Amino acid sequence: MSRHIQIESFGQLSDGRESLLFTLTNSNGQTLKVANYGGIITSLTAADRNGNFPTSCLVTISSNISETLTIWVQ
């Protein structure tokens, strides 16, 4: 069973700290992307009952922490 965790930069907070984005992938190819700032889920993909993946994510927030926080504040 293959599992994978990828860590990448998700931008900088207003105080200069770096936010990280963790991408967790399971053996079925389902993915969850979560930021280390508040545990914000930025993306979630899952297969349908037939094992097919849709062309879009179930959840998509944004591509960096600044955009994410702007969305949450509005």
Protein backbone atom coordinates (compact mmCIF):
# COMPACT_ATOMS: atom_id res chain seq x y z
CA MET A 1 0.00 0.00 0.00
CA SER A 2 1.56 3.28 -1.12
CA ARG A 3 1.07 6.50 0.80
CA HIS A 4 2.77 9.78 0.14
CA ILE A 5 3.17 13.12 1.95
CA GLN A 6 4.54 16.12 0.09
CA ILE A 7 5.44 19.38 1.85
CA GLU A 8 5.77 22.68 0.02
CA SER A 9 5.71 26.39 0.76
CA PHE A 10 2.23 27.93 0.87
CA GLY A 11 3.44 31.54 1.15
CA GLN A 12 4.21 33.92 3.98
CA LEU A 13 2.04 35.23 6.76
CA SER A 14 1.89 38.96 7.46
CA ASP A 15 4.42 38.54 10.28
CA GLY A 16 6.93 36.91 7.91
CA ARG A 17 6.49 33.29 9.01
CA GLU A 18 6.27 30.71 6.26
CA SER A 19 3.09 28.69 5.86
CA LEU A 20 3.44 25.13 4.62
CA LEU A 21 1.08 23.03 2.53
CA PHE A 22 0.95 19.29 3.16
CA THR A 23 -0.37 17.06 0.38
CA LEU A 24 -1.41 13.61 1.57
CA THR A 25 -2.04 10.97 -1.08
CA ASN A 26 -3.35 7.48 -0.35
CA SER A 27 -2.91 4.27 -2.32
CA ASN A 28 -6.15 4.95 -4.23
CA GLY A 29 -4.88 8.32 -5.49
CA GLN A 30 -7.16 10.39 -3.27
CA THR A 31 -5.52 13.60 -2.09
CA LEU A 32 -5.95 16.04 0.76
CA LYS A 33 -4.09 19.35 0.88
CA VAL A 34 -3.96 21.07 4.25
CA ALA A 35 -2.09 24.16 5.45
CA ASN A 36 -0.20 24.16 8.73
CA TYR A 37 -1.83 27.51 9.54
CA GLY A 38 -5.06 26.59 11.29
CA GLY A 39 -5.35 23.21 9.58
CA ILE A 40 -7.12 24.84 6.62
CA ILE A 41 -8.12 22.25 4.00
CA THR A 42 -7.35 23.79 0.62
CA SER A 43 -8.09 20.84 -1.66
CA LEU A 44 -9.73 17.44 -1.52
CA THR A 45 -10.05 14.91 -4.35
CA ALA A 46 -11.80 11.57 -4.13
CA ALA A 47 -12.94 8.92 -6.58
CA ASP A 48 -16.60 8.25 -7.26
CA ARG A 49 -18.19 4.88 -6.49
CA ASN A 50 -16.78 3.50 -9.75
CA GLY A 51 -13.23 4.53 -8.87
CA ASN A 52 -13.15 7.40 -11.38
CA PHE A 53 -11.78 10.78 -10.41
CA PRO A 54 -13.75 13.87 -11.42
CA THR A 55 -12.03 16.56 -13.47
CA SER A 56 -12.31 19.01 -10.56
CA CYS A 57 -11.66 18.81 -6.82
CA LEU A 58 -14.39 18.35 -4.26
CA VAL A 59 -12.91 21.28 -2.34
CA THR A 60 -10.62 23.99 -3.66
CA ILE A 61 -9.79 27.15 -1.71
CA SER A 62 -6.75 28.91 -3.20
CA SER A 63 -3.12 28.53 -4.14
CA ASN A 64 -1.48 30.46 -1.27
CA ILE A 65 -2.04 31.53 2.32
CA SER A 66 -2.67 35.20 1.49
CA GLU A 67 -5.57 34.35 -0.83
CA THR A 68 -6.91 31.80 1.65
CA LEU A 69 -6.96 34.29 4.53
CA THR A 70 -8.59 36.92 2.30
CA ILE A 71 -11.37 34.48 1.46
CA TRP A 72 -11.92 33.61 5.14
CA VAL A 73 -12.00 37.24 6.29
CA GLN A 74 -14.67 38.33 3.80
